[in-house]
Full PDB file with SEQRES, HELIX, SHEET, SSBOND, CRYST1, ORIGX, SCALE, CONECT and MASTER records, all heavy atoms in Angstrom:
SEQRES   1 A   35  PHE ALA LEU ILE TYR ASP LYS SER GLN ILE HIS ILE GLY          
SEQRES   2 A   35  THR VAL LEU TYR GLN ILE VAL TYR SER THR CYS VAL ASP          
SEQRES   3 A   35  LEU PHE ALA ASN CYS HIS ILE TYR SER                          
HELIX    1 AA1 ALA A    2  ASP A    6  1                                   5    
HELIX    2 AA2 LYS A    7  GLN A    9  5                                   3    
HELIX    3 AA3 ILE A   12  ALA A   29  1                                  18    
HELIX    4 AA4 HIS A   32  TYR A   34  5                                   3    
CRYST1    1.000    1.000    1.000  90.00  90.00  90.00 P 1           1          
ORIGX1      1.000000  0.000000  0.000000        0.00000                         
ORIGX2      0.000000  1.000000  0.000000        0.00000                         
ORIGX3      0.000000  0.000000  1.000000        0.00000                         
SCALE1      1.000000  0.000000  0.000000        0.00000                         
SCALE2      0.000000  1.000000  0.000000        0.00000                         
SCALE3      0.000000  0.000000  1.000000        0.00000                         
ATOM      1  N   PHE A   1       7.321 -24.763  -6.068  1.00  0.00           N  
ATOM      2  CA  PHE A   1       7.436 -25.504  -7.305  1.00  0.00           C  
ATOM      3  C   PHE A   1       8.775 -25.203  -7.979  1.00  0.00           C  
ATOM      4  O   PHE A   1       9.477 -26.135  -8.464  1.00  0.00           O  
ATOM      5  CB  PHE A   1       6.301 -25.141  -8.264  1.00  0.00           C  
ATOM      6  CG  PHE A   1       6.429 -25.723  -9.663  1.00  0.00           C  
ATOM      7  CD1 PHE A   1       5.996 -27.016  -9.915  1.00  0.00           C  
ATOM      8  CD2 PHE A   1       7.031 -25.005 -10.681  1.00  0.00           C  
ATOM      9  CE1 PHE A   1       6.116 -27.587 -11.180  1.00  0.00           C  
ATOM     10  CE2 PHE A   1       7.170 -25.565 -11.928  1.00  0.00           C  
ATOM     11  CZ  PHE A   1       6.701 -26.857 -12.199  1.00  0.00           C  
ATOM     12  N   ALA A   2       9.117 -23.908  -8.076  1.00  0.00           N  
ATOM     13  CA  ALA A   2      10.394 -23.526  -8.720  1.00  0.00           C  
ATOM     14  C   ALA A   2      11.592 -24.063  -7.965  1.00  0.00           C  
ATOM     15  O   ALA A   2      12.599 -24.467  -8.584  1.00  0.00           O  
ATOM     16  CB  ALA A   2      10.482 -21.977  -8.803  1.00  0.00           C  
ATOM     17  N   LEU A   3      11.532 -24.082  -6.623  1.00  0.00           N  
ATOM     18  CA  LEU A   3      12.630 -24.619  -5.844  1.00  0.00           C  
ATOM     19  C   LEU A   3      12.878 -26.121  -6.141  1.00  0.00           C  
ATOM     20  O   LEU A   3      14.016 -26.566  -6.217  1.00  0.00           O  
ATOM     21  CB  LEU A   3      12.338 -24.463  -4.334  1.00  0.00           C  
ATOM     22  CG  LEU A   3      12.670 -23.096  -3.695  1.00  0.00           C  
ATOM     23  CD1 LEU A   3      12.164 -23.033  -2.279  1.00  0.00           C  
ATOM     24  CD2 LEU A   3      14.197 -22.851  -3.726  1.00  0.00           C  
ATOM     25  N   ILE A   4      11.799 -26.810  -6.310  1.00  0.00           N  
ATOM     26  CA  ILE A   4      11.898 -28.256  -6.585  1.00  0.00           C  
ATOM     27  C   ILE A   4      12.300 -28.503  -8.042  1.00  0.00           C  
ATOM     28  O   ILE A   4      13.122 -29.357  -8.336  1.00  0.00           O  
ATOM     29  CB  ILE A   4      10.545 -28.979  -6.283  1.00  0.00           C  
ATOM     30  CG1 ILE A   4      10.216 -28.913  -4.806  1.00  0.00           C  
ATOM     31  CG2 ILE A   4      10.566 -30.434  -6.770  1.00  0.00           C  
ATOM     32  CD1 ILE A   4       8.814 -29.320  -4.442  1.00  0.00           C  
ATOM     33  N   TYR A   5      11.734 -27.714  -8.931  1.00  0.00           N  
ATOM     34  CA  TYR A   5      11.945 -27.914 -10.392  1.00  0.00           C  
ATOM     35  C   TYR A   5      13.234 -27.323 -10.880  1.00  0.00           C  
ATOM     36  O   TYR A   5      13.941 -27.934 -11.707  1.00  0.00           O  
ATOM     37  CB  TYR A   5      10.739 -27.317 -11.164  1.00  0.00           C  
ATOM     38  CG  TYR A   5      10.545 -27.913 -12.522  1.00  0.00           C  
ATOM     39  CD1 TYR A   5       9.914 -29.149 -12.711  1.00  0.00           C  
ATOM     40  CD2 TYR A   5      10.982 -27.221 -13.656  1.00  0.00           C  
ATOM     41  CE1 TYR A   5       9.767 -29.686 -13.987  1.00  0.00           C  
ATOM     42  CE2 TYR A   5      10.816 -27.743 -14.911  1.00  0.00           C  
ATOM     43  CZ  TYR A   5      10.208 -28.971 -15.083  1.00  0.00           C  
ATOM     44  OH  TYR A   5      10.026 -29.517 -16.340  1.00  0.00           O  
ATOM     45  N   ASP A   6      13.543 -26.115 -10.410  1.00  0.00           N  
ATOM     46  CA  ASP A   6      14.793 -25.456 -10.849  1.00  0.00           C  
ATOM     47  C   ASP A   6      15.122 -24.371  -9.842  1.00  0.00           C  
ATOM     48  O   ASP A   6      14.732 -23.187 -10.006  1.00  0.00           O  
ATOM     49  CB  ASP A   6      14.621 -24.865 -12.244  1.00  0.00           C  
ATOM     50  CG  ASP A   6      15.872 -24.190 -12.750  1.00  0.00           C  
ATOM     51  OD1 ASP A   6      16.931 -24.315 -12.094  1.00  0.00           O  
ATOM     52  OD2 ASP A   6      15.832 -23.535 -13.830  1.00  0.00           O  
ATOM     53  N   LYS A   7      15.869 -24.717  -8.770  1.00  0.00           N  
ATOM     54  CA  LYS A   7      16.104 -23.790  -7.687  1.00  0.00           C  
ATOM     55  C   LYS A   7      16.956 -22.603  -8.062  1.00  0.00           C  
ATOM     56  O   LYS A   7      16.983 -21.567  -7.330  1.00  0.00           O  
ATOM     57  CB  LYS A   7      16.749 -24.514  -6.499  1.00  0.00           C  
ATOM     58  CG  LYS A   7      18.128 -25.084  -6.777  1.00  0.00           C  
ATOM     59  CD  LYS A   7      18.615 -25.833  -5.535  1.00  0.00           C  
ATOM     60  CE  LYS A   7      20.024 -26.422  -5.813  1.00  0.00           C  
ATOM     61  NZ  LYS A   7      20.533 -27.163  -4.627  1.00  0.00           N  
ATOM     62  N   SER A   8      17.607 -22.640  -9.208  1.00  0.00           N  
ATOM     63  CA  SER A   8      18.438 -21.519  -9.673  1.00  0.00           C  
ATOM     64  C   SER A   8      17.610 -20.276  -9.966  1.00  0.00           C  
ATOM     65  O   SER A   8      18.111 -19.156 -10.067  1.00  0.00           O  
ATOM     66  CB  SER A   8      19.243 -21.906 -10.919  1.00  0.00           C  
ATOM     67  OG  SER A   8      18.380 -22.134 -12.025  1.00  0.00           O  
ATOM     68  N   GLN A   9      16.276 -20.445 -10.095  1.00  0.00           N  
ATOM     69  CA  GLN A   9      15.380 -19.359 -10.427  1.00  0.00           C  
ATOM     70  C   GLN A   9      15.022 -18.511  -9.156  1.00  0.00           C  
ATOM     71  O   GLN A   9      14.540 -17.383  -9.305  1.00  0.00           O  
ATOM     72  CB  GLN A   9      14.073 -19.882 -11.037  1.00  0.00           C  
ATOM     73  CG  GLN A   9      14.249 -20.705 -12.276  1.00  0.00           C  
ATOM     74  CD  GLN A   9      14.828 -19.918 -13.450  1.00  0.00           C  
ATOM     75  OE1 GLN A   9      14.640 -18.686 -13.502  1.00  0.00           O  
ATOM     76  NE2 GLN A   9      15.407 -20.620 -14.391  1.00  0.00           N  
ATOM     77  N   ILE A  10      15.313 -19.041  -7.991  1.00  0.00           N  
ATOM     78  CA  ILE A  10      14.899 -18.375  -6.752  1.00  0.00           C  
ATOM     79  C   ILE A  10      16.090 -17.633  -6.113  1.00  0.00           C  
ATOM     80  O   ILE A  10      17.171 -18.222  -5.897  1.00  0.00           O  
ATOM     81  CB  ILE A  10      14.330 -19.379  -5.761  1.00  0.00           C  
ATOM     82  CG1 ILE A  10      13.170 -20.175  -6.364  1.00  0.00           C  
ATOM     83  CG2 ILE A  10      13.886 -18.641  -4.461  1.00  0.00           C  
ATOM     84  CD1 ILE A  10      12.015 -19.304  -6.796  1.00  0.00           C  
ATOM     85  N   HIS A  11      15.868 -16.364  -5.813  1.00  0.00           N  
ATOM     86  CA  HIS A  11      16.921 -15.545  -5.179  1.00  0.00           C  
ATOM     87  C   HIS A  11      16.257 -14.691  -4.078  1.00  0.00           C  
ATOM     88  O   HIS A  11      15.014 -14.734  -3.903  1.00  0.00           O  
ATOM     89  CB  HIS A  11      17.583 -14.638  -6.186  1.00  0.00           C  
ATOM     90  CG  HIS A  11      18.252 -15.375  -7.302  1.00  0.00           C  
ATOM     91  ND1 HIS A  11      19.485 -15.983  -7.177  1.00  0.00           N  
ATOM     92  CD2 HIS A  11      17.815 -15.639  -8.562  1.00  0.00           C  
ATOM     93  CE1 HIS A  11      19.795 -16.599  -8.299  1.00  0.00           C  
ATOM     94  NE2 HIS A  11      18.800 -16.407  -9.169  1.00  0.00           N  
ATOM     95  N   ILE A  12      17.025 -13.920  -3.359  1.00  0.00           N  
ATOM     96  CA  ILE A  12      16.491 -13.105  -2.261  1.00  0.00           C  
ATOM     97  C   ILE A  12      15.392 -12.178  -2.725  1.00  0.00           C  
ATOM     98  O   ILE A  12      14.419 -11.927  -2.000  1.00  0.00           O  
ATOM     99  CB  ILE A  12      17.639 -12.317  -1.522  1.00  0.00           C  
ATOM    100  CG1 ILE A  12      17.075 -11.564  -0.322  1.00  0.00           C  
ATOM    101  CG2 ILE A  12      18.292 -11.366  -2.512  1.00  0.00           C  
ATOM    102  CD1 ILE A  12      18.134 -10.900   0.519  1.00  0.00           C  
ATOM    103  N   GLY A  13      15.569 -11.646  -3.937  1.00  0.00           N  
ATOM    104  CA  GLY A  13      14.559 -10.698  -4.413  1.00  0.00           C  
ATOM    105  C   GLY A  13      13.231 -11.341  -4.648  1.00  0.00           C  
ATOM    106  O   GLY A  13      12.178 -10.666  -4.509  1.00  0.00           O  
ATOM    107  N   THR A  14      13.201 -12.616  -4.977  1.00  0.00           N  
ATOM    108  CA  THR A  14      11.932 -13.344  -5.189  1.00  0.00           C  
ATOM    109  C   THR A  14      11.104 -13.334  -3.912  1.00  0.00           C  
ATOM    110  O   THR A  14       9.907 -13.042  -3.961  1.00  0.00           O  
ATOM    111  CB  THR A  14      12.245 -14.801  -5.610  1.00  0.00           C  
ATOM    112  OG1 THR A  14      13.165 -14.803  -6.694  1.00  0.00           O  
ATOM    113  CG2 THR A  14      10.956 -15.556  -5.967  1.00  0.00           C  
ATOM    114  N   VAL A  15      11.739 -13.622  -2.801  1.00  0.00           N  
ATOM    115  CA  VAL A  15      11.046 -13.686  -1.510  1.00  0.00           C  
ATOM    116  C   VAL A  15      10.689 -12.302  -1.013  1.00  0.00           C  
ATOM    117  O   VAL A  15       9.571 -12.030  -0.579  1.00  0.00           O  
ATOM    118  CB  VAL A  15      11.882 -14.436  -0.477  1.00  0.00           C  
ATOM    119  CG1 VAL A  15      11.183 -14.477   0.864  1.00  0.00           C  
ATOM    120  CG2 VAL A  15      12.211 -15.871  -0.971  1.00  0.00           C  
ATOM    121  N   LEU A  16      11.657 -11.380  -1.059  1.00  0.00           N  
ATOM    122  CA  LEU A  16      11.438 -10.046  -0.569  1.00  0.00           C  
ATOM    123  C   LEU A  16      10.336  -9.324  -1.314  1.00  0.00           C  
ATOM    124  O   LEU A  16       9.470  -8.681  -0.737  1.00  0.00           O  
ATOM    125  CB  LEU A  16      12.734  -9.223  -0.630  1.00  0.00           C  
ATOM    126  CG  LEU A  16      12.676  -7.739  -0.153  1.00  0.00           C  
ATOM    127  CD1 LEU A  16      12.269  -7.691   1.306  1.00  0.00           C  
ATOM    128  CD2 LEU A  16      14.027  -7.054  -0.346  1.00  0.00           C  
ATOM    129  N   TYR A  17      10.377  -9.427  -2.643  1.00  0.00           N  
ATOM    130  CA  TYR A  17       9.346  -8.818  -3.469  1.00  0.00           C  
ATOM    131  C   TYR A  17       7.970  -9.301  -3.061  1.00  0.00           C  
ATOM    132  O   TYR A  17       7.051  -8.516  -2.916  1.00  0.00           O  
ATOM    133  CB  TYR A  17       9.610  -9.141  -4.927  1.00  0.00           C  
ATOM    134  CG  TYR A  17       8.382  -8.959  -5.871  1.00  0.00           C  
ATOM    135  CD1 TYR A  17       7.994  -7.686  -6.247  1.00  0.00           C  
ATOM    136  CD2 TYR A  17       7.628 -10.053  -6.299  1.00  0.00           C  
ATOM    137  CE1 TYR A  17       6.880  -7.503  -7.075  1.00  0.00           C  
ATOM    138  CE2 TYR A  17       6.530  -9.870  -7.103  1.00  0.00           C  
ATOM    139  CZ  TYR A  17       6.158  -8.609  -7.486  1.00  0.00           C  
ATOM    140  OH  TYR A  17       5.075  -8.438  -8.289  1.00  0.00           O  
ATOM    141  N   GLN A  18       7.828 -10.626  -2.880  1.00  0.00           N  
ATOM    142  CA  GLN A  18       6.499 -11.173  -2.614  1.00  0.00           C  
ATOM    143  C   GLN A  18       5.979 -10.742  -1.253  1.00  0.00           C  
ATOM    144  O   GLN A  18       4.774 -10.475  -1.077  1.00  0.00           O  
ATOM    145  CB  GLN A  18       6.511 -12.695  -2.693  1.00  0.00           C  
ATOM    146  CG  GLN A  18       5.155 -13.288  -2.905  1.00  0.00           C  
ATOM    147  CD  GLN A  18       4.466 -12.760  -4.134  1.00  0.00           C  
ATOM    148  OE1 GLN A  18       5.009 -12.823  -5.230  1.00  0.00           O  
ATOM    149  NE2 GLN A  18       3.267 -12.233  -3.993  1.00  0.00           N  
ATOM    150  N   ILE A  19       6.882 -10.663  -0.248  1.00  0.00           N  
ATOM    151  CA  ILE A  19       6.458 -10.205   1.068  1.00  0.00           C  
ATOM    152  C   ILE A  19       5.962  -8.770   1.044  1.00  0.00           C  
ATOM    153  O   ILE A  19       4.872  -8.438   1.572  1.00  0.00           O  
ATOM    154  CB  ILE A  19       7.624 -10.329   2.088  1.00  0.00           C  
ATOM    155  CG1 ILE A  19       7.942 -11.799   2.331  1.00  0.00           C  
ATOM    156  CG2 ILE A  19       7.270  -9.658   3.420  1.00  0.00           C  
ATOM    157  CD1 ILE A  19       9.213 -12.041   3.163  1.00  0.00           C  
ATOM    158  N   VAL A  20       6.707  -7.903   0.419  1.00  0.00           N  
ATOM    159  CA  VAL A  20       6.336  -6.471   0.284  1.00  0.00           C  
ATOM    160  C   VAL A  20       5.077  -6.301  -0.532  1.00  0.00           C  
ATOM    161  O   VAL A  20       4.126  -5.621  -0.163  1.00  0.00           O  
ATOM    162  CB  VAL A  20       7.487  -5.629  -0.335  1.00  0.00           C  
ATOM    163  CG1 VAL A  20       7.047  -4.192  -0.566  1.00  0.00           C  
ATOM    164  CG2 VAL A  20       8.721  -5.667   0.576  1.00  0.00           C  
ATOM    165  N   TYR A  21       5.058  -6.998  -1.690  1.00  0.00           N  
ATOM    166  CA  TYR A  21       3.939  -6.921  -2.607  1.00  0.00           C  
ATOM    167  C   TYR A  21       2.632  -7.387  -1.993  1.00  0.00           C  
ATOM    168  O   TYR A  21       1.631  -6.642  -2.012  1.00  0.00           O  
ATOM    169  CB  TYR A  21       4.273  -7.750  -3.827  1.00  0.00           C  
ATOM    170  CG  TYR A  21       3.250  -7.726  -4.941  1.00  0.00           C  
ATOM    171  CD1 TYR A  21       3.177  -6.654  -5.849  1.00  0.00           C  
ATOM    172  CD2 TYR A  21       2.388  -8.805  -5.153  1.00  0.00           C  
ATOM    173  CE1 TYR A  21       2.258  -6.638  -6.862  1.00  0.00           C  
ATOM    174  CE2 TYR A  21       1.452  -8.788  -6.175  1.00  0.00           C  
ATOM    175  CZ  TYR A  21       1.404  -7.693  -7.057  1.00  0.00           C  
ATOM    176  OH  TYR A  21       0.496  -7.676  -8.063  1.00  0.00           O  
ATOM    177  N   SER A  22       2.582  -8.560  -1.376  1.00  0.00           N  
ATOM    178  CA  SER A  22       1.356  -9.096  -0.815  1.00  0.00           C  
ATOM    179  C   SER A  22       0.887  -8.249   0.351  1.00  0.00           C  
ATOM    180  O   SER A  22      -0.327  -8.027   0.541  1.00  0.00           O  
ATOM    181  CB  SER A  22       1.575 -10.563  -0.379  1.00  0.00           C  
ATOM    182  OG  SER A  22       1.861 -11.365  -1.492  1.00  0.00           O  
ATOM    183  N   THR A  23       1.826  -7.794   1.165  1.00  0.00           N  
ATOM    184  CA  THR A  23       1.445  -6.946   2.321  1.00  0.00           C  
ATOM    185  C   THR A  23       0.822  -5.632   1.855  1.00  0.00           C  
ATOM    186  O   THR A  23      -0.180  -5.212   2.407  1.00  0.00           O  
ATOM    187  CB  THR A  23       2.742  -6.642   3.169  1.00  0.00           C  
ATOM    188  OG1 THR A  23       3.296  -7.859   3.614  1.00  0.00           O  
ATOM    189  CG2 THR A  23       2.352  -5.770   4.391  1.00  0.00           C  
ATOM    190  N   CYS A  24       1.421  -5.031   0.818  1.00  0.00           N  
ATOM    191  CA  CYS A  24       0.903  -3.753   0.339  1.00  0.00           C  
ATOM    192  C   CYS A  24      -0.455  -3.929  -0.385  1.00  0.00           C  
ATOM    193  O   CYS A  24      -1.254  -3.029  -0.323  1.00  0.00           O  
ATOM    194  CB  CYS A  24       1.914  -3.131  -0.639  1.00  0.00           C  
ATOM    195  SG  CYS A  24       3.358  -2.453   0.192  1.00  0.00           S  
ATOM    196  N   VAL A  25      -0.650  -5.068  -1.063  1.00  0.00           N  
ATOM    197  CA  VAL A  25      -1.949  -5.349  -1.700  1.00  0.00           C  
ATOM    198  C   VAL A  25      -3.023  -5.288  -0.621  1.00  0.00           C  
ATOM    199  O   VAL A  25      -4.081  -4.673  -0.815  1.00  0.00           O  
ATOM    200  CB  VAL A  25      -1.953  -6.696  -2.406  1.00  0.00           C  
ATOM    201  CG1 VAL A  25      -3.376  -7.115  -2.751  1.00  0.00           C  
ATOM    202  CG2 VAL A  25      -1.139  -6.611  -3.728  1.00  0.00           C  
ATOM    203  N   ASP A  26      -2.789  -5.915   0.507  1.00  0.00           N  
ATOM    204  CA  ASP A  26      -3.780  -5.906   1.604  1.00  0.00           C  
ATOM    205  C   ASP A  26      -3.950  -4.504   2.169  1.00  0.00           C  
ATOM    206  O   ASP A  26      -5.081  -4.081   2.427  1.00  0.00           O  
ATOM    207  CB  ASP A  26      -3.328  -6.845   2.710  1.00  0.00           C  
ATOM    208  CG  ASP A  26      -4.082  -8.173   2.667  1.00  0.00           C  
ATOM    209  OD1 ASP A  26      -5.034  -8.296   1.879  1.00  0.00           O  
ATOM    210  OD2 ASP A  26      -3.721  -9.094   3.410  1.00  0.00           O  
ATOM    211  N   LEU A  27      -2.860  -3.773   2.348  1.00  0.00           N  
ATOM    212  CA  LEU A  27      -2.933  -2.425   2.887  1.00  0.00           C  
ATOM    213  C   LEU A  27      -3.751  -1.505   1.989  1.00  0.00           C  
ATOM    214  O   LEU A  27      -4.620  -0.771   2.438  1.00  0.00           O  
ATOM    215  CB  LEU A  27      -1.534  -1.863   3.092  1.00  0.00           C  
ATOM    216  CG  LEU A  27      -0.712  -2.437   4.236  1.00  0.00           C  
ATOM    217  CD1 LEU A  27       0.721  -1.881   4.219  1.00  0.00           C  
ATOM    218  CD2 LEU A  27      -1.365  -2.155   5.607  1.00  0.00           C  
ATOM    219  N   PHE A  28      -3.453  -1.527   0.697  1.00  0.00           N  
ATOM    220  CA  PHE A  28      -4.175  -0.662  -0.259  1.00  0.00           C  
ATOM    221  C   PHE A  28      -5.604  -1.113  -0.404  1.00  0.00           C  
ATOM    222  O   PHE A  28      -6.486  -0.275  -0.622  1.00  0.00           O  
ATOM    223  CB  PHE A  28      -3.466  -0.713  -1.608  1.00  0.00           C  
ATOM    224  CG  PHE A  28      -2.079  -0.067  -1.603  1.00  0.00           C  
ATOM    225  CD1 PHE A  28      -1.011  -0.684  -2.219  1.00  0.00           C  
ATOM    226  CD2 PHE A  28      -1.858   1.128  -0.918  1.00  0.00           C  
ATOM    227  CE1 PHE A  28       0.266  -0.089  -2.215  1.00  0.00           C  
ATOM    228  CE2 PHE A  28      -0.604   1.735  -0.910  1.00  0.00           C  
ATOM    229  CZ  PHE A  28       0.456   1.076  -1.561  1.00  0.00           C  
ATOM    230  N   ALA A  29      -5.895  -2.403  -0.309  1.00  0.00           N  
ATOM    231  CA  ALA A  29      -7.245  -2.910  -0.445  1.00  0.00           C  
ATOM    232  C   ALA A  29      -8.128  -2.410   0.721  1.00  0.00           C  
ATOM    233  O   ALA A  29      -9.317  -2.277   0.588  1.00  0.00           O  
ATOM    234  CB  ALA A  29      -7.261  -4.430  -0.498  1.00  0.00           C  
ATOM    235  N   ASN A  30      -7.487  -2.157   1.854  1.00  0.00           N  
ATOM    236  CA  ASN A  30      -8.238  -1.735   3.034  1.00  0.00           C  
ATOM    237  C   ASN A  30      -8.310  -0.209   3.173  1.00  0.00           C  
ATOM    238  O   ASN A  30      -8.852   0.289   4.169  1.00  0.00           O  
ATOM    239  CB  ASN A  30      -7.624  -2.315   4.264  1.00  0.00           C  
ATOM    240  CG  ASN A  30      -7.834  -3.835   4.378  1.00  0.00           C  
ATOM    241  OD1 ASN A  30      -8.919  -4.320   4.043  1.00  0.00           O  
ATOM    242  ND2 ASN A  30      -6.800  -4.573   4.838  1.00  0.00           N  
ATOM    243  N   CYS A  31      -7.717   0.529   2.227  1.00  0.00           N  
ATOM    244  CA  CYS A  31      -7.783   1.974   2.267  1.00  0.00           C  
ATOM    245  C   CYS A  31      -9.231   2.445   2.125  1.00  0.00           C  
ATOM    246  O   CYS A  31     -10.060   1.775   1.514  1.00  0.00           O  
ATOM    247  CB  CYS A  31      -6.960   2.582   1.142  1.00  0.00           C  
ATOM    248  SG  CYS A  31      -5.182   2.493   1.412  1.00  0.00           S  
ATOM    249  N   HIS A  32      -9.527   3.591   2.612  1.00  0.00           N  
ATOM    250  CA  HIS A  32     -10.888   4.104   2.607  1.00  0.00           C  
ATOM    251  C   HIS A  32     -11.455   4.301   1.235  1.00  0.00           C  
ATOM    252  O   HIS A  32     -12.641   4.286   1.005  1.00  0.00           O  
ATOM    253  CB  HIS A  32     -10.979   5.440   3.348  1.00  0.00           C  
ATOM    254  CG  HIS A  32     -10.302   6.580   2.634  1.00  0.00           C  
ATOM    255  ND1 HIS A  32      -8.934   6.773   2.679  1.00  0.00           N  
ATOM    256  CD2 HIS A  32     -10.795   7.521   1.802  1.00  0.00           C  
ATOM    257  CE1 HIS A  32      -8.640   7.828   1.960  1.00  0.00           C  
ATOM    258  NE2 HIS A  32      -9.729   8.311   1.401  1.00  0.00           N  
ATOM    259  N   ILE A  33     -10.541   4.458   0.200  1.00  0.00           N  
ATOM    260  CA  ILE A  33     -11.031   4.669  -1.172  1.00  0.00           C  
ATOM    261  C   ILE A  33     -11.834   3.494  -1.659  1.00  0.00           C  
ATOM    262  O   ILE A  33     -12.694   3.609  -2.550  1.00  0.00           O  
ATOM    263  CB  ILE A  33      -9.853   4.951  -2.121  1.00  0.00           C  
ATOM    264  CG1 ILE A  33     -10.347   5.445  -3.476  1.00  0.00           C  
ATOM    265  CG2 ILE A  33      -9.008   3.685  -2.340  1.00  0.00           C  
ATOM    266  CD1 ILE A  33      -9.242   5.937  -4.364  1.00  0.00           C  
ATOM    267  N   TYR A  34     -11.639   2.293  -1.067  1.00  0.00           N  
ATOM    268  CA  TYR A  34     -12.325   1.107  -1.537  1.00  0.00           C  
ATOM    269  C   TYR A  34     -13.560   0.795  -0.701  1.00  0.00           C  
ATOM    270  O   TYR A  34     -14.279  -0.147  -1.008  1.00  0.00           O  
ATOM    271  CB  TYR A  34     -11.408  -0.106  -1.506  1.00  0.00           C  
ATOM    272  CG  TYR A  34     -10.127   0.107  -2.234  1.00  0.00           C  
ATOM    273  CD1 TYR A  34      -8.906   0.067  -1.567  1.00  0.00           C  
ATOM    274  CD2 TYR A  34     -10.100   0.333  -3.604  1.00  0.00           C  
ATOM    275  CE1 TYR A  34      -7.695   0.253  -2.231  1.00  0.00           C  
ATOM    276  CE2 TYR A  34      -8.918   0.569  -4.296  1.00  0.00           C  
ATOM    277  CZ  TYR A  34      -7.729   0.509  -3.588  1.00  0.00           C  
ATOM    278  OH  TYR A  34      -6.551   0.699  -4.276  1.00  0.00           O  
ATOM    279  N   SER A  35     -13.788   1.549   0.344  1.00  0.00           N  
ATOM    280  CA  SER A  35     -14.795   1.137   1.358  1.00  0.00           C  
ATOM    281  C   SER A  35     -16.225   1.252   0.860  1.00  0.00           C  
ATOM    282  O   SER A  35     -17.122   0.663   1.464  1.00  0.00           O  
ATOM    283  CB  SER A  35     -14.657   1.995   2.598  1.00  0.00           C  
ATOM    284  OG  SER A  35     -14.888   3.362   2.296  1.00  0.00           O  
TER     285      SER A  35                                                      
MASTER        0    0    0    4    0    0    0    6  284    1    0    3          
END                                                                             
């Protein structure tokens, strides 16, 4: 949406942050503390 509406808002950090963040959310959610 941001790319279409205003691409100036998107930078490398936007993508990198989301990849790391989403991956870690899954990793932490699967830790034994939540089992």
